[in-house]
């Protein structure tokens, strides 16, 4: 259970800007406030890493870049369709980065790295697939729904799909890891 909490913590920290954006937008309905808060949190997280002399992973830099570029573009365009289509580009960029073999290693506890590293790689590609699917789904939603309905559906999908895949991944990796560890112990 400790491993689940550790992996969840890292994932939630990486998604914190997005979660703050969604929460602020749902609570206030103010797109610009939500974007500004997401941008501020993204900058704050990187600053915290620097202040504590911790490394900043490539996915964290990408997340900050996406937050800053897309947030700035939101302020400049003030176009609801742009705001709705913007996540499509973000999903595609994140999906491409997730195609890097082994990107998920930082999320795996040591026991998973020892027993199921192949599944970490496989699930890394599955996560990339989820990002590409989410990009296509977002285009359909943005072109067919009004802003409020799009925001509601998008929020549920964005969080639900990631939590769902995370739980599936955890269950598969945990059960496979236990099975493999028992098999290794039995063969010695």
N, C-alpha and C. Protein backbone atom coordinates (compact mmCIF):
# COMPACT_ATOMS: atom_id res chain seq x y z
N UNK A 1 0.82 -1.19 0.00
CA UNK A 1 0.00 0.00 0.00
C UNK A 1 0.87 1.26 0.00
N UNK A 2 2.03 1.15 0.67
CA UNK A 2 2.96 2.28 0.70
C UNK A 2 3.40 2.66 -0.71
N UNK A 3 3.64 1.63 -1.55
CA UNK A 3 4.06 1.88 -2.93
C UNK A 3 2.98 2.61 -3.72
N UNK A 4 1.72 2.24 -3.47
CA UNK A 4 0.60 2.91 -4.15
C UNK A 4 0.56 4.38 -3.77
N UNK A 5 0.74 4.67 -2.49
CA UNK A 5 0.71 6.07 -2.05
C UNK A 5 1.89 6.85 -2.61
N UNK A 6 3.07 6.23 -2.68
CA UNK A 6 4.24 6.91 -3.23
C UNK A 6 4.03 7.24 -4.71
N UNK A 7 3.56 6.25 -5.47
CA UNK A 7 3.31 6.47 -6.90
C UNK A 7 2.20 7.50 -7.10
N UNK A 8 1.17 7.42 -6.27
CA UNK A 8 0.07 8.39 -6.36
C UNK A 8 0.55 9.80 -6.07
N UNK A 9 1.41 9.93 -5.09
CA UNK A 9 1.93 11.25 -4.71
C UNK A 9 2.68 11.89 -5.87
N UNK A 10 3.56 11.12 -6.52
CA UNK A 10 4.33 11.66 -7.64
C UNK A 10 3.40 12.04 -8.79
N UNK A 11 2.43 11.17 -9.09
CA UNK A 11 1.49 11.45 -10.16
C UNK A 11 0.66 12.69 -9.85
N UNK A 12 0.18 12.81 -8.63
CA UNK A 12 -0.61 13.98 -8.25
C UNK A 12 0.21 15.26 -8.31
N UNK A 13 1.47 15.20 -7.91
CA UNK A 13 2.33 16.38 -8.00
C UNK A 13 2.52 16.79 -9.45
N UNK A 14 2.68 15.81 -10.34
CA UNK A 14 2.85 16.14 -11.76
C UNK A 14 1.56 16.70 -12.37
N UNK A 15 0.42 16.32 -11.82
CA UNK A 15 -0.87 16.79 -12.33
C UNK A 15 -1.41 17.98 -11.55
N UNK A 16 -0.67 18.47 -10.56
CA UNK A 16 -1.17 19.50 -9.65
C UNK A 16 -1.65 20.76 -10.38
N UNK A 17 -0.88 21.23 -11.35
CA UNK A 17 -1.29 22.45 -12.07
C UNK A 17 -2.60 22.25 -12.81
N UNK A 18 -2.74 21.09 -13.44
CA UNK A 18 -3.97 20.78 -14.16
C UNK A 18 -5.14 20.67 -13.19
N UNK A 19 -4.92 19.97 -12.08
CA UNK A 19 -5.98 19.81 -11.10
C UNK A 19 -6.40 21.15 -10.50
N UNK A 20 -5.41 22.01 -10.22
CA UNK A 20 -5.73 23.34 -9.69
C UNK A 20 -6.51 24.14 -10.72
N UNK A 21 -6.07 24.10 -11.98
CA UNK A 21 -6.80 24.78 -13.06
C UNK A 21 -8.25 24.33 -13.10
N UNK A 22 -8.47 23.00 -13.12
CA UNK A 22 -9.83 22.47 -13.22
C UNK A 22 -10.67 22.87 -12.01
N UNK A 23 -10.10 22.76 -10.82
CA UNK A 23 -10.83 23.12 -9.61
C UNK A 23 -11.19 24.60 -9.60
N UNK A 24 -10.22 25.44 -9.94
CA UNK A 24 -10.48 26.88 -9.95
C UNK A 24 -11.52 27.25 -11.00
N UNK A 25 -11.46 26.61 -12.16
CA UNK A 25 -12.43 26.92 -13.22
C UNK A 25 -13.83 26.46 -12.83
N UNK A 26 -13.92 25.25 -12.27
CA UNK A 26 -15.23 24.72 -11.87
C UNK A 26 -15.82 25.58 -10.74
N UNK A 27 -14.99 25.97 -9.79
CA UNK A 27 -15.49 26.74 -8.64
C UNK A 27 -15.82 28.19 -8.97
N UNK A 28 -15.03 28.81 -9.85
CA UNK A 28 -15.22 30.24 -10.10
C UNK A 28 -15.82 30.55 -11.47
N UNK A 29 -15.66 29.64 -12.43
CA UNK A 29 -16.10 29.91 -13.79
C UNK A 29 -15.22 30.95 -14.49
N UNK A 30 -14.15 31.35 -13.84
CA UNK A 30 -13.26 32.38 -14.38
C UNK A 30 -12.05 31.69 -15.03
N UNK A 31 -12.07 31.64 -16.35
CA UNK A 31 -11.03 30.96 -17.10
C UNK A 31 -9.66 31.59 -16.85
N UNK A 32 -9.59 32.91 -16.84
CA UNK A 32 -8.31 33.59 -16.69
C UNK A 32 -7.71 33.40 -15.30
N UNK A 33 -8.54 33.40 -14.28
CA UNK A 33 -8.05 33.13 -12.93
C UNK A 33 -7.52 31.69 -12.85
N UNK A 34 -8.27 30.75 -13.41
CA UNK A 34 -7.86 29.35 -13.38
C UNK A 34 -6.53 29.15 -14.10
N UNK A 35 -6.39 29.76 -15.27
CA UNK A 35 -5.13 29.66 -16.03
C UNK A 35 -3.98 30.28 -15.23
N UNK A 36 -4.19 31.45 -14.67
CA UNK A 36 -3.14 32.12 -13.90
C UNK A 36 -2.70 31.29 -12.70
N UNK A 37 -3.65 30.69 -12.00
CA UNK A 37 -3.31 29.86 -10.85
C UNK A 37 -2.52 28.61 -11.28
N UNK A 38 -2.93 28.00 -12.38
CA UNK A 38 -2.19 26.84 -12.90
C UNK A 38 -0.77 27.20 -13.28
N UNK A 39 -0.61 28.35 -13.94
CA UNK A 39 0.73 28.80 -14.32
C UNK A 39 1.58 29.07 -13.09
N UNK A 40 1.01 29.74 -12.10
CA UNK A 40 1.76 30.08 -10.88
C UNK A 40 2.20 28.81 -10.15
N UNK A 41 1.32 27.82 -10.07
CA UNK A 41 1.69 26.58 -9.39
C UNK A 41 2.79 25.84 -10.15
N UNK A 42 2.72 25.81 -11.48
CA UNK A 42 3.76 25.16 -12.28
C UNK A 42 5.12 25.80 -12.05
N UNK A 43 5.16 27.11 -12.04
CA UNK A 43 6.42 27.83 -11.78
C UNK A 43 6.89 27.55 -10.36
N UNK A 44 5.96 27.56 -9.42
CA UNK A 44 6.30 27.31 -8.02
C UNK A 44 6.89 25.92 -7.79
N UNK A 45 6.35 24.93 -8.49
CA UNK A 45 6.87 23.57 -8.33
C UNK A 45 8.32 23.45 -8.81
N UNK A 46 8.62 24.06 -9.95
CA UNK A 46 9.99 24.01 -10.46
C UNK A 46 10.92 24.79 -9.53
N UNK A 47 10.45 25.93 -9.06
CA UNK A 47 11.26 26.73 -8.12
C UNK A 47 11.55 25.93 -6.85
N UNK A 48 10.57 25.17 -6.37
CA UNK A 48 10.75 24.35 -5.18
C UNK A 48 11.85 23.33 -5.41
N UNK A 49 11.86 22.69 -6.59
CA UNK A 49 12.91 21.72 -6.91
C UNK A 49 14.29 22.39 -6.90
N UNK A 50 14.38 23.57 -7.50
CA UNK A 50 15.66 24.28 -7.51
C UNK A 50 16.08 24.66 -6.10
N UNK A 51 15.15 25.17 -5.31
CA UNK A 51 15.47 25.59 -3.95
C UNK A 51 15.96 24.41 -3.09
N UNK A 52 15.44 23.22 -3.37
CA UNK A 52 15.84 22.04 -2.61
C UNK A 52 16.90 21.20 -3.33
N UNK A 53 17.48 21.80 -4.37
CA UNK A 53 18.55 21.15 -5.14
C UNK A 53 18.17 19.74 -5.59
N UNK A 54 16.92 19.62 -6.07
CA UNK A 54 16.43 18.35 -6.60
C UNK A 54 16.38 18.42 -8.12
N UNK A 55 16.61 17.29 -8.78
CA UNK A 55 16.56 17.30 -10.26
C UNK A 55 15.13 17.53 -10.76
N UNK A 56 15.04 18.15 -11.90
CA UNK A 56 13.74 18.37 -12.55
C UNK A 56 13.71 17.45 -13.76
N UNK A 57 12.74 16.53 -13.77
CA UNK A 57 12.64 15.54 -14.84
C UNK A 57 12.13 16.19 -16.13
N UNK A 58 12.39 15.53 -17.25
CA UNK A 58 11.99 16.06 -18.56
C UNK A 58 10.48 16.29 -18.65
N UNK A 59 9.69 15.36 -18.09
CA UNK A 59 8.24 15.52 -18.14
C UNK A 59 7.78 16.72 -17.32
N UNK A 60 8.50 17.03 -16.24
CA UNK A 60 8.17 18.21 -15.44
C UNK A 60 8.47 19.50 -16.22
N UNK A 61 9.62 19.54 -16.92
CA UNK A 61 9.94 20.70 -17.74
C UNK A 61 8.91 20.88 -18.84
N UNK A 62 8.54 19.75 -19.47
CA UNK A 62 7.54 19.81 -20.53
C UNK A 62 6.21 20.33 -19.99
N UNK A 63 5.82 19.85 -18.84
CA UNK A 63 4.58 20.29 -18.22
C UNK A 63 4.60 21.80 -17.98
N UNK A 64 5.71 22.30 -17.44
CA UNK A 64 5.82 23.74 -17.20
C UNK A 64 5.77 24.52 -18.52
N UNK A 65 6.49 24.06 -19.51
CA UNK A 65 6.48 24.73 -20.81
C UNK A 65 5.07 24.78 -21.39
N UNK A 66 4.38 23.66 -21.33
CA UNK A 66 3.01 23.60 -21.86
C UNK A 66 2.10 24.56 -21.09
N UNK A 67 2.22 24.56 -19.79
CA UNK A 67 1.40 25.44 -18.96
C UNK A 67 1.65 26.90 -19.32
N UNK A 68 2.92 27.27 -19.43
CA UNK A 68 3.24 28.68 -19.71
C UNK A 68 2.83 29.10 -21.12
N UNK A 69 3.13 28.26 -22.11
CA UNK A 69 2.80 28.61 -23.50
C UNK A 69 1.28 28.62 -23.71
N UNK A 70 0.62 27.57 -23.25
CA UNK A 70 -0.83 27.52 -23.47
C UNK A 70 -1.56 28.56 -22.62
N UNK A 71 -1.07 28.81 -21.43
CA UNK A 71 -1.68 29.84 -20.59
C UNK A 71 -1.54 31.22 -21.21
N UNK A 72 -0.36 31.51 -21.71
CA UNK A 72 -0.13 32.80 -22.37
C UNK A 72 -1.00 32.93 -23.62
N UNK A 73 -1.09 31.86 -24.39
CA UNK A 73 -1.94 31.88 -25.59
C UNK A 73 -3.41 32.08 -25.23
N UNK A 74 -3.84 31.52 -24.13
CA UNK A 74 -5.22 31.71 -23.67
C UNK A 74 -5.48 33.19 -23.39
N UNK A 75 -4.54 33.83 -22.70
CA UNK A 75 -4.70 35.26 -22.40
C UNK A 75 -4.71 36.11 -23.68
N UNK A 76 -3.87 35.74 -24.64
CA UNK A 76 -3.75 36.55 -25.86
C UNK A 76 -4.93 36.37 -26.82
N UNK A 77 -5.45 35.17 -26.93
CA UNK A 77 -6.51 34.93 -27.92
C UNK A 77 -7.91 35.25 -27.41
N UNK A 78 -8.18 34.95 -26.15
CA UNK A 78 -9.51 35.15 -25.57
C UNK A 78 -10.59 34.53 -26.47
N UNK A 79 -10.30 33.37 -27.06
CA UNK A 79 -11.22 32.69 -27.97
C UNK A 79 -11.64 31.36 -27.33
N UNK A 80 -12.93 31.17 -27.06
CA UNK A 80 -13.38 29.93 -26.42
C UNK A 80 -13.03 28.67 -27.21
N UNK A 81 -13.13 28.70 -28.54
CA UNK A 81 -12.79 27.52 -29.33
C UNK A 81 -11.30 27.19 -29.19
N UNK A 82 -10.46 28.22 -29.19
CA UNK A 82 -9.03 27.99 -28.99
C UNK A 82 -8.79 27.32 -27.65
N UNK A 83 -9.45 27.84 -26.61
CA UNK A 83 -9.28 27.29 -25.26
C UNK A 83 -9.71 25.82 -25.25
N UNK A 84 -10.79 25.50 -25.96
CA UNK A 84 -11.27 24.13 -25.97
C UNK A 84 -10.37 23.21 -26.81
N UNK A 85 -9.78 23.71 -27.87
CA UNK A 85 -8.93 22.87 -28.72
C UNK A 85 -7.49 22.76 -28.19
N UNK A 86 -7.09 23.70 -27.37
CA UNK A 86 -5.73 23.74 -26.85
C UNK A 86 -5.30 22.43 -26.18
N UNK A 87 -6.14 21.77 -25.40
CA UNK A 87 -5.70 20.51 -24.79
C UNK A 87 -5.32 19.43 -25.81
N UNK A 88 -5.87 19.51 -27.02
CA UNK A 88 -5.53 18.54 -28.05
C UNK A 88 -4.04 18.59 -28.34
N UNK A 89 -3.51 19.79 -28.52
CA UNK A 89 -2.08 19.95 -28.79
C UNK A 89 -1.27 19.47 -27.59
N UNK A 90 -1.74 19.80 -26.41
CA UNK A 90 -1.03 19.39 -25.19
C UNK A 90 -0.99 17.87 -25.09
N UNK A 91 -2.12 17.22 -25.32
CA UNK A 91 -2.16 15.75 -25.27
C UNK A 91 -1.20 15.14 -26.28
N UNK A 92 -1.16 15.70 -27.47
CA UNK A 92 -0.27 15.16 -28.50
C UNK A 92 1.19 15.32 -28.09
N UNK A 93 1.56 16.49 -27.60
CA UNK A 93 2.94 16.73 -27.18
C UNK A 93 3.32 15.80 -26.03
N UNK A 94 2.44 15.67 -25.04
CA UNK A 94 2.72 14.79 -23.91
C UNK A 94 2.80 13.34 -24.39
N UNK A 95 1.90 12.95 -25.28
CA UNK A 95 1.93 11.59 -25.83
C UNK A 95 3.24 11.29 -26.54
N UNK A 96 3.74 12.26 -27.31
CA UNK A 96 5.01 12.07 -28.00
C UNK A 96 6.14 11.90 -26.98
N UNK A 97 6.16 12.72 -25.94
CA UNK A 97 7.20 12.59 -24.91
C UNK A 97 7.09 11.23 -24.21
N UNK A 98 5.86 10.76 -24.00
CA UNK A 98 5.66 9.47 -23.35
C UNK A 98 6.06 8.28 -24.22
N UNK A 99 6.33 8.53 -25.48
CA UNK A 99 6.82 7.45 -26.34
C UNK A 99 8.29 7.12 -26.05
N UNK A 100 8.94 7.94 -25.24
CA UNK A 100 10.33 7.66 -24.87
C UNK A 100 10.37 6.42 -23.97
N UNK A 101 11.08 5.44 -24.40
CA UNK A 101 11.17 4.18 -23.66
C UNK A 101 11.69 4.42 -22.24
N UNK A 102 10.96 3.90 -21.27
CA UNK A 102 11.40 3.96 -19.88
C UNK A 102 11.09 5.25 -19.14
N UNK A 103 10.29 6.15 -19.73
CA UNK A 103 10.00 7.42 -19.06
C UNK A 103 9.32 7.20 -17.71
N UNK A 104 8.64 6.09 -17.57
CA UNK A 104 7.86 5.86 -16.36
C UNK A 104 8.70 5.40 -15.18
N UNK A 105 9.97 5.12 -15.39
CA UNK A 105 10.80 4.56 -14.34
C UNK A 105 10.78 5.39 -13.05
N UNK A 106 10.71 6.70 -13.17
CA UNK A 106 10.73 7.53 -11.96
C UNK A 106 9.49 7.35 -11.10
N UNK A 107 8.44 6.80 -11.69
CA UNK A 107 7.20 6.60 -10.94
C UNK A 107 7.14 5.24 -10.25
N UNK A 108 8.05 4.35 -10.60
CA UNK A 108 8.01 2.99 -10.07
C UNK A 108 8.83 2.86 -8.80
N UNK A 109 8.27 2.20 -7.79
CA UNK A 109 9.06 1.94 -6.58
C UNK A 109 10.14 0.92 -6.89
N UNK A 110 11.17 0.83 -6.06
CA UNK A 110 12.29 -0.09 -6.33
C UNK A 110 11.85 -1.54 -6.55
N UNK A 111 10.87 -2.01 -5.80
CA UNK A 111 10.44 -3.41 -5.96
C UNK A 111 9.83 -3.63 -7.35
N UNK A 112 9.11 -2.65 -7.87
CA UNK A 112 8.55 -2.77 -9.22
C UNK A 112 9.65 -2.69 -10.27
N UNK A 113 10.64 -1.85 -10.03
CA UNK A 113 11.76 -1.77 -10.97
C UNK A 113 12.52 -3.08 -11.02
N UNK A 114 12.51 -3.83 -9.91
CA UNK A 114 13.23 -5.10 -9.85
C UNK A 114 12.42 -6.26 -10.44
N UNK A 115 11.10 -6.22 -10.30
CA UNK A 115 10.30 -7.38 -10.70
C UNK A 115 9.49 -7.19 -11.99
N UNK A 116 9.10 -5.97 -12.30
CA UNK A 116 8.23 -5.76 -13.48
C UNK A 116 8.67 -4.58 -14.34
N UNK A 117 9.98 -4.44 -14.59
CA UNK A 117 10.41 -3.28 -15.39
C UNK A 117 9.84 -3.30 -16.80
N UNK A 118 9.59 -4.51 -17.33
CA UNK A 118 9.01 -4.63 -18.67
C UNK A 118 7.59 -4.07 -18.71
N UNK A 119 6.85 -4.27 -17.62
CA UNK A 119 5.49 -3.72 -17.57
C UNK A 119 5.51 -2.20 -17.44
N UNK A 120 6.53 -1.67 -16.78
CA UNK A 120 6.68 -0.21 -16.71
C UNK A 120 6.84 0.37 -18.11
N UNK A 121 7.61 -0.29 -18.92
CA UNK A 121 7.81 0.17 -20.30
C UNK A 121 6.52 0.04 -21.10
N UNK A 122 5.85 -1.12 -20.96
CA UNK A 122 4.58 -1.34 -21.67
C UNK A 122 3.54 -0.31 -21.27
N UNK A 123 3.40 -0.10 -19.97
CA UNK A 123 2.40 0.88 -19.53
C UNK A 123 2.80 2.30 -19.92
N UNK A 124 4.07 2.58 -20.07
CA UNK A 124 4.48 3.89 -20.58
C UNK A 124 3.90 4.14 -21.96
N UNK A 125 3.92 3.11 -22.79
CA UNK A 125 3.33 3.23 -24.14
C UNK A 125 1.80 3.29 -24.08
N UNK A 126 1.21 2.57 -23.13
CA UNK A 126 -0.25 2.64 -22.97
C UNK A 126 -0.67 4.05 -22.55
N UNK A 127 0.12 4.66 -21.66
CA UNK A 127 -0.16 6.05 -21.27
C UNK A 127 -0.07 6.98 -22.48
N UNK A 128 0.92 6.76 -23.32
CA UNK A 128 1.03 7.57 -24.54
C UNK A 128 -0.21 7.39 -25.39
N UNK A 129 -0.68 6.16 -25.52
CA UNK A 129 -1.91 5.88 -26.28
C UNK A 129 -3.10 6.59 -25.69
N UNK A 130 -3.19 6.64 -24.36
CA UNK A 130 -4.29 7.37 -23.73
C UNK A 130 -4.23 8.85 -24.08
N UNK A 131 -3.02 9.41 -24.14
CA UNK A 131 -2.89 10.83 -24.49
C UNK A 131 -3.35 11.06 -25.93
N UNK A 132 -2.98 10.19 -26.85
CA UNK A 132 -3.39 10.35 -28.25
C UNK A 132 -4.91 10.18 -28.40
N UNK A 133 -5.47 9.21 -27.69
CA UNK A 133 -6.93 9.04 -27.73
C UNK A 133 -7.62 10.27 -27.15
N UNK A 134 -7.10 10.79 -26.04
CA UNK A 134 -7.68 11.97 -25.42
C UNK A 134 -7.62 13.18 -26.36
N UNK A 135 -6.56 13.27 -27.15
CA UNK A 135 -6.44 14.37 -28.12
C UNK A 135 -7.56 14.28 -29.16
N UNK A 136 -7.78 13.09 -29.69
CA UNK A 136 -8.83 12.91 -30.69
C UNK A 136 -10.21 13.15 -30.08
N UNK A 137 -10.43 12.64 -28.88
CA UNK A 137 -11.71 12.84 -28.20
C UNK A 137 -11.95 14.33 -27.95
N UNK A 138 -10.91 15.05 -27.56
CA UNK A 138 -11.08 16.47 -27.29
C UNK A 138 -11.51 17.25 -28.53
N UNK A 139 -10.99 16.89 -29.69
CA UNK A 139 -11.41 17.57 -30.93
C UNK A 139 -12.90 17.38 -31.13
N UNK A 140 -13.37 16.15 -30.97
CA UNK A 140 -14.79 15.85 -31.15
C UNK A 140 -15.63 16.65 -30.15
N UNK A 141 -15.21 16.65 -28.90
CA UNK A 141 -15.96 17.37 -27.86
C UNK A 141 -15.96 18.88 -28.11
N UNK A 142 -14.81 19.43 -28.45
CA UNK A 142 -14.69 20.88 -28.65
C UNK A 142 -15.54 21.37 -29.82
N UNK A 143 -15.65 20.54 -30.84
CA UNK A 143 -16.41 20.96 -32.02
C UNK A 143 -17.91 20.67 -31.90
N UNK A 144 -18.30 19.92 -30.87
CA UNK A 144 -19.71 19.56 -30.77
C UNK A 144 -20.42 20.04 -29.51
N UNK A 145 -19.69 20.56 -28.53
CA UNK A 145 -20.30 20.97 -27.27
C UNK A 145 -20.08 22.46 -27.00
N UNK A 146 -20.97 23.03 -26.18
CA UNK A 146 -20.74 24.40 -25.72
C UNK A 146 -19.65 24.39 -24.65
N UNK A 147 -19.14 25.55 -24.30
CA UNK A 147 -17.98 25.65 -23.40
C UNK A 147 -18.25 25.01 -22.04
N UNK A 148 -19.40 25.28 -21.44
CA UNK A 148 -19.68 24.75 -20.11
C UNK A 148 -19.78 23.23 -20.12
N UNK A 149 -20.48 22.67 -21.12
CA UNK A 149 -20.61 21.22 -21.22
C UNK A 149 -19.26 20.59 -21.52
N UNK A 150 -18.50 21.21 -22.43
CA UNK A 150 -17.16 20.72 -22.75
C UNK A 150 -16.31 20.67 -21.49
N UNK A 151 -16.32 21.74 -20.69
CA UNK A 151 -15.50 21.80 -19.47
C UNK A 151 -15.88 20.69 -18.50
N UNK A 152 -17.18 20.43 -18.37
CA UNK A 152 -17.62 19.38 -17.45
C UNK A 152 -17.19 17.99 -17.94
N UNK A 153 -17.46 17.70 -19.21
CA UNK A 153 -17.11 16.40 -19.77
C UNK A 153 -15.59 16.22 -19.78
N UNK A 154 -14.89 17.25 -20.18
CA UNK A 154 -13.42 17.21 -20.26
C UNK A 154 -12.82 16.97 -18.89
N UNK A 155 -13.35 17.62 -17.88
CA UNK A 155 -12.83 17.45 -16.52
C UNK A 155 -13.02 16.02 -16.03
N UNK A 156 -14.20 15.48 -16.25
CA UNK A 156 -14.46 14.10 -15.82
C UNK A 156 -13.56 13.13 -16.58
N UNK A 157 -13.44 13.30 -17.90
CA UNK A 157 -12.58 12.42 -18.69
C UNK A 157 -11.12 12.56 -18.28
N UNK A 158 -10.65 13.79 -18.17
CA UNK A 158 -9.23 14.03 -17.87
C UNK A 158 -8.82 13.36 -16.57
N UNK A 159 -9.62 13.50 -15.56
CA UNK A 159 -9.27 12.92 -14.27
C UNK A 159 -9.62 11.43 -14.23
N UNK A 160 -10.83 11.09 -14.67
CA UNK A 160 -11.29 9.70 -14.60
C UNK A 160 -10.44 8.74 -15.41
N UNK A 161 -10.05 9.13 -16.62
CA UNK A 161 -9.26 8.22 -17.46
C UNK A 161 -7.88 7.99 -16.85
N UNK A 162 -7.30 9.01 -16.29
CA UNK A 162 -5.96 8.87 -15.70
C UNK A 162 -6.01 8.06 -14.40
N UNK A 163 -7.00 8.33 -13.56
CA UNK A 163 -7.13 7.56 -12.33
C UNK A 163 -7.44 6.11 -12.66
N UNK A 164 -8.33 5.89 -13.64
CA UNK A 164 -8.67 4.53 -14.04
C UNK A 164 -7.47 3.76 -14.56
N UNK A 165 -6.70 4.37 -15.46
CA UNK A 165 -5.51 3.69 -15.99
C UNK A 165 -4.48 3.48 -14.89
N UNK A 166 -4.33 4.44 -14.01
CA UNK A 166 -3.39 4.30 -12.89
C UNK A 166 -3.75 3.09 -12.03
N UNK A 167 -5.04 2.94 -11.71
CA UNK A 167 -5.47 1.82 -10.87
C UNK A 167 -5.30 0.48 -11.59
N UNK A 168 -5.61 0.45 -12.87
CA UNK A 168 -5.40 -0.78 -13.65
C UNK A 168 -3.92 -1.13 -13.68
N UNK A 169 -3.09 -0.13 -13.95
CA UNK A 169 -1.65 -0.36 -14.00
C UNK A 169 -1.15 -0.87 -12.65
N UNK A 170 -1.59 -0.25 -11.58
CA UNK A 170 -1.14 -0.66 -10.25
C UNK A 170 -1.53 -2.11 -9.98
N UNK A 171 -2.77 -2.47 -10.28
CA UNK A 171 -3.25 -3.83 -10.02
C UNK A 171 -2.48 -4.86 -10.85
N UNK A 172 -2.28 -4.57 -12.12
CA UNK A 172 -1.56 -5.50 -13.00
C UNK A 172 -0.11 -5.64 -12.56
N UNK A 173 0.54 -4.53 -12.29
CA UNK A 173 1.95 -4.58 -11.91
C UNK A 173 2.13 -5.24 -10.54
N UNK A 174 1.24 -4.95 -9.61
CA UNK A 174 1.34 -5.53 -8.27
C UNK A 174 1.14 -7.04 -8.33
N UNK A 175 0.08 -7.50 -9.01
CA UNK A 175 -0.18 -8.95 -9.06
C UNK A 175 0.91 -9.68 -9.83
N UNK A 176 1.37 -9.10 -10.92
CA UNK A 176 2.44 -9.72 -11.70
C UNK A 176 3.75 -9.73 -10.91
N UNK A 177 4.04 -8.63 -10.22
CA UNK A 177 5.25 -8.55 -9.41
C UNK A 177 5.26 -9.59 -8.30
N UNK A 178 4.12 -9.77 -7.64
CA UNK A 178 4.02 -10.77 -6.58
C UNK A 178 4.23 -12.17 -7.15
N UNK A 179 3.58 -12.44 -8.27
CA UNK A 179 3.71 -13.75 -8.92
C UNK A 179 5.16 -14.02 -9.32
N UNK A 180 5.81 -13.02 -9.90
CA UNK A 180 7.20 -13.19 -10.34
C UNK A 180 8.13 -13.36 -9.14
N UNK A 181 7.92 -12.60 -8.07
CA UNK A 181 8.76 -12.69 -6.89
C UNK A 181 8.64 -14.07 -6.25
N UNK A 182 7.40 -14.60 -6.20
CA UNK A 182 7.19 -15.95 -5.66
C UNK A 182 7.88 -16.99 -6.53
N UNK A 183 7.79 -16.84 -7.84
CA UNK A 183 8.42 -17.79 -8.76
C UNK A 183 9.95 -17.76 -8.60
N UNK A 184 10.51 -16.56 -8.42
CA UNK A 184 11.97 -16.45 -8.22
C UNK A 184 12.38 -17.11 -6.92
N UNK A 185 11.59 -16.93 -5.87
CA UNK A 185 11.91 -17.53 -4.58
C UNK A 185 11.77 -19.04 -4.65
N UNK A 186 10.79 -19.55 -5.37
CA UNK A 186 10.57 -20.98 -5.49
C UNK A 186 11.68 -21.67 -6.30
N UNK A 187 12.26 -20.93 -7.24
CA UNK A 187 13.30 -21.53 -8.08
C UNK A 187 14.67 -21.50 -7.42
N UNK A 188 14.82 -20.82 -6.29
CA UNK A 188 16.12 -20.77 -5.63
C UNK A 188 16.25 -21.78 -4.51
